[in-house]
Amino acid sequence: MIPAPAAPSLTIGELEANYPTYCKALRLLIREGKTLAKVRRTVCWERLETLHHCLPSRYREPGYLYALLSREVQPA
């Protein structure tokens, strides 16, 4: 079996620049009704986790964002 080629690594600056995009993707997944288990397998979740791990005082944990956005998307 041949190993898959390594994905190009992103810098923290690139991750920070795309933070709004990752949040938007998370919001769209929630609106589509995806479960937390399914959302955790996405690229946006992985990138949000990386940002939180590297800069925890600046970026929230993805689980917190999921809960916050879930409340925002729920009909009143």
PDB file of N, CA and C in Angstrom:
ATOM      1  N   MET A   1       0.826  -1.167   0.000  1.00  0.00           N
ATOM      2  CA  MET A   1       0.000   0.000   0.000  1.00  0.00           C
ATOM      3  C   MET A   1       0.883   1.247   0.000  1.00  0.00           C
ATOM      4  N   ILE A   2       0.568   2.189  -0.868  1.00  0.00           N
ATOM      5  CA  ILE A   2       1.347   3.409  -0.988  1.00  0.00           C
ATOM      6  C   ILE A   2       0.728   4.473  -0.080  1.00  0.00           C
ATOM      7  N   PRO A   3       1.554   5.111   0.752  1.00  0.00           N
ATOM      8  CA  PRO A   3       0.997   6.151   1.630  1.00  0.00           C
ATOM      9  C   PRO A   3       0.534   7.363   0.823  1.00  0.00           C
ATOM     10  N   ALA A   4      -0.516   7.991   1.309  1.00  0.00           N
ATOM     11  CA  ALA A   4      -1.045   9.180   0.644  1.00  0.00           C
ATOM     12  C   ALA A   4      -0.049  10.323   0.792  1.00  0.00           C
ATOM     13  N   PRO A   5       0.022  11.177  -0.223  1.00  0.00           N
ATOM     14  CA  PRO A   5       0.946  12.303  -0.109  1.00  0.00           C
ATOM     15  C   PRO A   5       0.510  13.244   1.013  1.00  0.00           C
ATOM     16  N   ALA A   6       1.477  13.789   1.697  1.00  0.00           N
ATOM     17  CA  ALA A   6       1.178  14.679   2.821  1.00  0.00           C
ATOM     18  C   ALA A   6       0.557  15.974   2.302  1.00  0.00           C
ATOM     19  N   ALA A   7      -0.470  16.420   2.991  1.00  0.00           N
ATOM     20  CA  ALA A   7      -1.117  17.680   2.620  1.00  0.00           C
ATOM     21  C   ALA A   7      -0.189  18.827   2.992  1.00  0.00           C
ATOM     22  N   PRO A   8      -0.194  19.870   2.179  1.00  0.00           N
ATOM     23  CA  PRO A   8       0.664  21.001   2.536  1.00  0.00           C
ATOM     24  C   PRO A   8       0.209  21.606   3.860  1.00  0.00           C
ATOM     25  N   SER A   9       1.168  21.873   4.730  1.00  0.00           N
ATOM     26  CA  SER A   9       0.800  22.405   6.040  1.00  0.00           C
ATOM     27  C   SER A   9       0.522  23.901   5.934  1.00  0.00           C
ATOM     28  N   LEU A  10      -0.417  24.332   6.744  1.00  0.00           N
ATOM     29  CA  LEU A  10      -0.800  25.732   6.772  1.00  0.00           C
ATOM     30  C   LEU A  10      -0.099  26.434   7.926  1.00  0.00           C
ATOM     31  N   THR A  11       0.188  27.697   7.742  1.00  0.00           N
ATOM     32  CA  THR A  11       0.772  28.475   8.825  1.00  0.00           C
ATOM     33  C   THR A  11      -0.353  29.001   9.712  1.00  0.00           C
ATOM     34  N   ILE A  12       0.013  29.419  10.903  1.00  0.00           N
ATOM     35  CA  ILE A  12      -0.979  29.996  11.813  1.00  0.00           C
ATOM     36  C   ILE A  12      -1.583  31.247  11.180  1.00  0.00           C
ATOM     37  N   GLY A  13      -0.781  32.018  10.488  1.00  0.00           N
ATOM     38  CA  GLY A  13      -1.285  33.214   9.817  1.00  0.00           C
ATOM     39  C   GLY A  13      -2.352  32.894   8.789  1.00  0.00           C
ATOM     40  N   GLU A  14      -2.132  31.820   8.026  1.00  0.00           N
ATOM     41  CA  GLU A  14      -3.132  31.391   7.035  1.00  0.00           C
ATOM     42  C   GLU A  14      -4.406  30.912   7.725  1.00  0.00           C
ATOM     43  N   LEU A  15      -4.243  30.183   8.813  1.00  0.00           N
ATOM     44  CA  LEU A  15      -5.413  29.724   9.567  1.00  0.00           C
ATOM     45  C   LEU A  15      -6.193  30.906  10.127  1.00  0.00           C
ATOM     46  N   GLU A  16      -5.467  31.875  10.682  1.00  0.00           N
ATOM     47  CA  GLU A  16      -6.133  33.054  11.239  1.00  0.00           C
ATOM     48  C   GLU A  16      -6.860  33.845  10.154  1.00  0.00           C
ATOM     49  N   ALA A  17      -6.258  33.955   8.985  1.00  0.00           N
ATOM     50  CA  ALA A  17      -6.879  34.691   7.889  1.00  0.00           C
ATOM     51  C   ALA A  17      -8.173  34.042   7.431  1.00  0.00           C
ATOM     52  N   ASN A  18      -8.258  32.717   7.557  1.00  0.00           N
ATOM     53  CA  ASN A  18      -9.440  31.981   7.110  1.00  0.00           C
ATOM     54  C   ASN A  18     -10.414  31.656   8.232  1.00  0.00           C
ATOM     55  N   TYR A  19     -10.182  32.174   9.427  1.00  0.00           N
ATOM     56  CA  TYR A  19     -11.059  31.903  10.564  1.00  0.00           C
ATOM     57  C   TYR A  19     -12.533  32.206  10.261  1.00  0.00           C
ATOM     58  N   PRO A  20     -12.860  33.356   9.665  1.00  0.00           N
ATOM     59  CA  PRO A  20     -14.275  33.613   9.353  1.00  0.00           C
ATOM     60  C   PRO A  20     -14.875  32.569   8.408  1.00  0.00           C
ATOM     61  N   THR A  21     -14.062  32.070   7.503  1.00  0.00           N
ATOM     62  CA  THR A  21     -14.533  31.040   6.570  1.00  0.00           C
ATOM     63  C   THR A  21     -14.848  29.745   7.307  1.00  0.00           C
ATOM     64  N   TYR A  22     -13.998  29.372   8.266  1.00  0.00           N
ATOM     65  CA  TYR A  22     -14.236  28.150   9.036  1.00  0.00           C
ATOM     66  C   TYR A  22     -15.504  28.285   9.881  1.00  0.00           C
ATOM     67  N   CYS A  23     -15.717  29.460  10.442  1.00  0.00           N
ATOM     68  CA  CYS A  23     -16.936  29.692  11.227  1.00  0.00           C
ATOM     69  C   CYS A  23     -18.170  29.643  10.332  1.00  0.00           C
ATOM     70  N   LYS A  24     -18.054  30.191   9.136  1.00  0.00           N
ATOM     71  CA  LYS A  24     -19.167  30.162   8.193  1.00  0.00           C
ATOM     72  C   LYS A  24     -19.480  28.720   7.784  1.00  0.00           C
ATOM     73  N   ALA A  25     -18.442  27.931   7.539  1.00  0.00           N
ATOM     74  CA  ALA A  25     -18.638  26.523   7.185  1.00  0.00           C
ATOM     75  C   ALA A  25     -19.307  25.772   8.331  1.00  0.00           C
ATOM     76  N   LEU A  26     -18.876  26.048   9.557  1.00  0.00           N
ATOM     77  CA  LEU A  26     -19.485  25.409  10.722  1.00  0.00           C
ATOM     78  C   LEU A  26     -20.958  25.791  10.829  1.00  0.00           C
ATOM     79  N   ARG A  27     -21.269  27.057  10.608  1.00  0.00           N
ATOM     80  CA  ARG A  27     -22.661  27.527  10.653  1.00  0.00           C
ATOM     81  C   ARG A  27     -23.501  26.817   9.583  1.00  0.00           C
ATOM     82  N   LEU A  28     -22.950  26.658   8.383  1.00  0.00           N
ATOM     83  CA  LEU A  28     -23.680  25.982   7.305  1.00  0.00           C
ATOM     84  C   LEU A  28     -23.932  24.511   7.641  1.00  0.00           C
ATOM     85  N   LEU A  29     -22.943  23.857   8.219  1.00  0.00           N
ATOM     86  CA  LEU A  29     -23.121  22.455   8.615  1.00  0.00           C
ATOM     87  C   LEU A  29     -24.227  22.322   9.657  1.00  0.00           C
ATOM     88  N   ILE A  30     -24.273  23.256  10.588  1.00  0.00           N
ATOM     89  CA  ILE A  30     -25.309  23.230  11.625  1.00  0.00           C
ATOM     90  C   ILE A  30     -26.681  23.468  10.997  1.00  0.00           C
ATOM     91  N   ARG A  31     -26.763  24.422  10.084  1.00  0.00           N
ATOM     92  CA  ARG A  31     -28.035  24.698   9.407  1.00  0.00           C
ATOM     93  C   ARG A  31     -28.532  23.493   8.617  1.00  0.00           C
ATOM     94  N   GLU A  32     -27.591  22.703   8.081  1.00  0.00           N
ATOM     95  CA  GLU A  32     -27.959  21.492   7.343  1.00  0.00           C
ATOM     96  C   GLU A  32     -28.403  20.372   8.271  1.00  0.00           C
ATOM     97  N   GLY A  33     -28.260  20.580   9.575  1.00  0.00           N
ATOM     98  CA  GLY A  33     -28.699  19.579  10.540  1.00  0.00           C
ATOM     99  C   GLY A  33     -27.685  18.488  10.819  1.00  0.00           C
ATOM    100  N   LYS A  34     -26.415  18.745  10.530  1.00  0.00           N
ATOM    101  CA  LYS A  34     -25.373  17.744  10.788  1.00  0.00           C
ATOM    102  C   LYS A  34     -25.182  17.579  12.290  1.00  0.00           C
ATOM    103  N   THR A  35     -24.961  16.354  12.702  1.00  0.00           N
ATOM    104  CA  THR A  35     -24.733  16.064  14.117  1.00  0.00           C
ATOM    105  C   THR A  35     -23.315  16.486  14.505  1.00  0.00           C
ATOM    106  N   LEU A  36     -23.095  16.618  15.795  1.00  0.00           N
ATOM    107  CA  LEU A  36     -21.777  16.974  16.290  1.00  0.00           C
ATOM    108  C   LEU A  36     -20.735  15.947  15.847  1.00  0.00           C
ATOM    109  N   ALA A  37     -21.103  14.680  15.861  1.00  0.00           N
ATOM    110  CA  ALA A  37     -20.173  13.619  15.445  1.00  0.00           C
ATOM    111  C   ALA A  37     -19.737  13.809  13.989  1.00  0.00           C
ATOM    112  N   LYS A  38     -20.680  14.179  13.127  1.00  0.00           N
ATOM    113  CA  LYS A  38     -20.341  14.386  11.717  1.00  0.00           C
ATOM    114  C   LYS A  38     -19.521  15.653  11.522  1.00  0.00           C
ATOM    115  N   VAL A  39     -19.859  16.697  12.263  1.00  0.00           N
ATOM    116  CA  VAL A  39     -19.140  17.965  12.143  1.00  0.00           C
ATOM    117  C   VAL A  39     -17.697  17.803  12.606  1.00  0.00           C
ATOM    118  N   ARG A  40     -17.475  16.967  13.618  1.00  0.00           N
ATOM    119  CA  ARG A  40     -16.119  16.752  14.144  1.00  0.00           C
ATOM    120  C   ARG A  40     -15.184  16.101  13.124  1.00  0.00           C
ATOM    121  N   ARG A  41     -15.734  15.515  12.074  1.00  0.00           N
ATOM    122  CA  ARG A  41     -14.911  14.867  11.055  1.00  0.00           C
ATOM    123  C   ARG A  41     -14.595  15.794   9.882  1.00  0.00           C
ATOM    124  N   THR A  42     -14.902  17.067   9.999  1.00  0.00           N
ATOM    125  CA  THR A  42     -14.706  17.994   8.885  1.00  0.00           C
ATOM    126  C   THR A  42     -13.372  18.734   9.001  1.00  0.00           C
ATOM    127  N   VAL A  43     -12.961  19.288   7.882  1.00  0.00           N
ATOM    128  CA  VAL A  43     -11.732  20.071   7.837  1.00  0.00           C
ATOM    129  C   VAL A  43     -11.879  21.342   8.668  1.00  0.00           C
ATOM    130  N   CYS A  44     -13.049  21.983   8.592  1.00  0.00           N
ATOM    131  CA  CYS A  44     -13.218  23.234   9.345  1.00  0.00           C
ATOM    132  C   CYS A  44     -13.064  22.977  10.846  1.00  0.00           C
ATOM    133  N   TRP A  45     -13.571  21.865  11.352  1.00  0.00           N
ATOM    134  CA  TRP A  45     -13.434  21.538  12.777  1.00  0.00           C
ATOM    135  C   TRP A  45     -11.960  21.347  13.125  1.00  0.00           C
ATOM    136  N   GLU A  46     -11.248  20.641  12.273  1.00  0.00           N
ATOM    137  CA  GLU A  46      -9.821  20.387  12.501  1.00  0.00           C
ATOM    138  C   GLU A  46      -9.040  21.707  12.560  1.00  0.00           C
ATOM    139  N   ARG A  47      -9.352  22.598  11.652  1.00  0.00           N
ATOM    140  CA  ARG A  47      -8.643  23.880  11.609  1.00  0.00           C
ATOM    141  C   ARG A  47      -9.010  24.756  12.812  1.00  0.00           C
ATOM    142  N   LEU A  48     -10.279  24.728  13.217  1.00  0.00           N
ATOM    143  CA  LEU A  48     -10.686  25.480  14.409  1.00  0.00           C
ATOM    144  C   LEU A  48     -10.006  24.913  15.653  1.00  0.00           C
ATOM    145  N   GLU A  49      -9.858  23.600  15.721  1.00  0.00           N
ATOM    146  CA  GLU A  49      -9.150  22.973  16.840  1.00  0.00           C
ATOM    147  C   GLU A  49      -7.689  23.403  16.869  1.00  0.00           C
ATOM    148  N   THR A  50      -7.070  23.454  15.709  1.00  0.00           N
ATOM    149  CA  THR A  50      -5.667  23.860  15.619  1.00  0.00           C
ATOM    150  C   THR A  50      -5.494  25.292  16.109  1.00  0.00           C
ATOM    151  N   LEU A  51      -6.373  26.180  15.666  1.00  0.00           N
ATOM    152  CA  LEU A  51      -6.298  27.568  16.118  1.00  0.00           C
ATOM    153  C   LEU A  51      -6.465  27.666  17.631  1.00  0.00           C
ATOM    154  N   HIS A  52      -7.437  26.935  18.173  1.00  0.00           N
ATOM    155  CA  HIS A  52      -7.666  26.968  19.614  1.00  0.00           C
ATOM    156  C   HIS A  52      -6.463  26.400  20.366  1.00  0.00           C
ATOM    157  N   HIS A  53      -5.893  25.341  19.850  1.00  0.00           N
ATOM    158  CA  HIS A  53      -4.742  24.707  20.504  1.00  0.00           C
ATOM    159  C   HIS A  53      -3.536  25.644  20.509  1.00  0.00           C
ATOM    160  N   CYS A  54      -3.309  26.343  19.399  1.00  0.00           N
ATOM    161  CA  CYS A  54      -2.145  27.224  19.295  1.00  0.00           C
ATOM    162  C   CYS A  54      -2.347  28.573  19.979  1.00  0.00           C
ATOM    163  N   LEU A  55      -3.563  29.085  19.937  1.00  0.00           N
ATOM    164  CA  LEU A  55      -3.855  30.403  20.513  1.00  0.00           C
ATOM    165  C   LEU A  55      -5.150  30.346  21.336  1.00  0.00           C
ATOM    166  N   PRO A  56      -5.123  29.628  22.462  1.00  0.00           N
ATOM    167  CA  PRO A  56      -6.361  29.417  23.228  1.00  0.00           C
ATOM    168  C   PRO A  56      -6.974  30.694  23.809  1.00  0.00           C
ATOM    169  N   SER A  57      -6.164  31.702  24.056  1.00  0.00           N
ATOM    170  CA  SER A  57      -6.721  32.935  24.606  1.00  0.00           C
ATOM    171  C   SER A  57      -7.416  33.770  23.531  1.00  0.00           C
ATOM    172  N   ARG A  58      -7.151  33.442  22.282  1.00  0.00           N
ATOM    173  CA  ARG A  58      -7.704  34.224  21.174  1.00  0.00           C
ATOM    174  C   ARG A  58      -8.865  33.528  20.464  1.00  0.00           C
ATOM    175  N   TYR A  59      -8.821  32.198  20.412  1.00  0.00           N
ATOM    176  CA  TYR A  59      -9.838  31.436  19.678  1.00  0.00           C
ATOM    177  C   TYR A  59     -10.508  30.421  20.589  1.00  0.00           C
ATOM    178  N   ARG A  60     -11.829  30.374  20.523  1.00  0.00           N
ATOM    179  CA  ARG A  60     -12.615  29.469  21.364  1.00  0.00           C
ATOM    180  C   ARG A  60     -12.482  28.027  20.896  1.00  0.00           C
ATOM    181  N   GLU A  61     -12.796  27.125  21.805  1.00  0.00           N
ATOM    182  CA  GLU A  61     -12.803  25.698  21.509  1.00  0.00           C
ATOM    183  C   GLU A  61     -13.947  25.423  20.532  1.00  0.00           C
ATOM    184  N   PRO A  62     -13.739  24.571  19.513  1.00  0.00           N
ATOM    185  CA  PRO A  62     -14.781  24.331  18.517  1.00  0.00           C
ATOM    186  C   PRO A  62     -16.102  23.827  19.097  1.00  0.00           C
ATOM    187  N   GLY A  63     -16.051  23.056  20.177  1.00  0.00           N
ATOM    188  CA  GLY A  63     -17.283  22.584  20.809  1.00  0.00           C
ATOM    189  C   GLY A  63     -18.117  23.739  21.335  1.00  0.00           C
ATOM    190  N   TYR A  64     -17.451  24.738  21.879  1.00  0.00           N
ATOM    191  CA  TYR A  64     -18.145  25.931  22.358  1.00  0.00           C
ATOM    192  C   TYR A  64     -18.779  26.671  21.178  1.00  0.00           C
ATOM    193  N   LEU A  65     -18.030  26.822  20.097  1.00  0.00           N
ATOM    194  CA  LEU A  65     -18.565  27.484  18.902  1.00  0.00           C
ATOM    195  C   LEU A  65     -19.766  26.730  18.351  1.00  0.00           C
ATOM    196  N   TYR A  66     -19.683  25.405  18.369  1.00  0.00           N
ATOM    197  CA  TYR A  66     -20.793  24.583  17.879  1.00  0.00           C
ATOM    198  C   TYR A  66     -22.049  24.848  18.706  1.00  0.00           C
ATOM    199  N   ALA A  67     -21.904  24.871  20.028  1.00  0.00           N
ATOM    200  CA  ALA A  67     -23.052  25.114  20.899  1.00  0.00           C
ATOM    201  C   ALA A  67     -23.606  26.522  20.688  1.00  0.00           C
ATOM    202  N   LEU A  68     -22.728  27.493  20.574  1.00  0.00           N
ATOM    203  CA  LEU A  68     -23.137  28.879  20.380  1.00  0.00           C
ATOM    204  C   LEU A  68     -23.879  29.054  19.053  1.00  0.00           C
ATOM    205  N   LEU A  69     -23.314  28.505  17.989  1.00  0.00           N
ATOM    206  CA  LEU A  69     -23.932  28.630  16.673  1.00  0.00           C
ATOM    207  C   LEU A  69     -25.218  27.805  16.576  1.00  0.00           C
ATOM    208  N   SER A  70     -25.268  26.689  17.283  1.00  0.00           N
ATOM    209  CA  SER A  70     -26.493  25.877  17.277  1.00  0.00           C
ATOM    210  C   SER A  70     -27.659  26.651  17.865  1.00  0.00           C
ATOM    211  N   ARG A  71     -27.394  27.384  18.949  1.00  0.00           N
ATOM    212  CA  ARG A  71     -28.430  28.206  19.564  1.00  0.00           C
ATOM    213  C   ARG A  71     -28.853  29.329  18.626  1.00  0.00           C
ATOM    214  N   GLU A  72     -27.901  29.875  17.906  1.00  0.00           N
ATOM    215  CA  GLU A  72     -28.178  30.976  16.982  1.00  0.00           C
ATOM    216  C   GLU A  72     -29.046  30.522  15.819  1.00  0.00           C
ATOM    217  N   VAL A  73     -28.826  29.307  15.350  1.00  0.00           N
ATOM    218  CA  VAL A  73     -29.530  28.789  14.180  1.00  0.00           C
ATOM    219  C   VAL A  73     -30.922  28.265  14.521  1.00  0.00           C
ATOM    220  N   GLN A  74     -31.135  27.827  15.767  1.00  0.00           N
ATOM    221  CA  GLN A  74     -32.423  27.269  16.157  1.00  0.00           C
ATOM    222  C   GLN A  74     -33.525  28.315  16.000  1.00  0.00           C
ATOM    223  N   PRO A  75     -34.693  27.892  15.473  1.00  0.00           N
ATOM    224  CA  PRO A  75     -35.800  28.844  15.361  1.00  0.00           C
ATOM    225  C   PRO A  75     -36.315  29.249  16.736  1.00  0.00           C
ATOM    226  N   ALA A  76     -36.736  30.491  16.839  1.00  0.00           N
ATOM    227  CA  ALA A  76     -37.218  31.012  18.131  1.00  0.00           C
ATOM    228  C   ALA A  76     -38.619  30.538  18.440  1.00  0.00           C
TER     229      ALA A  76
END
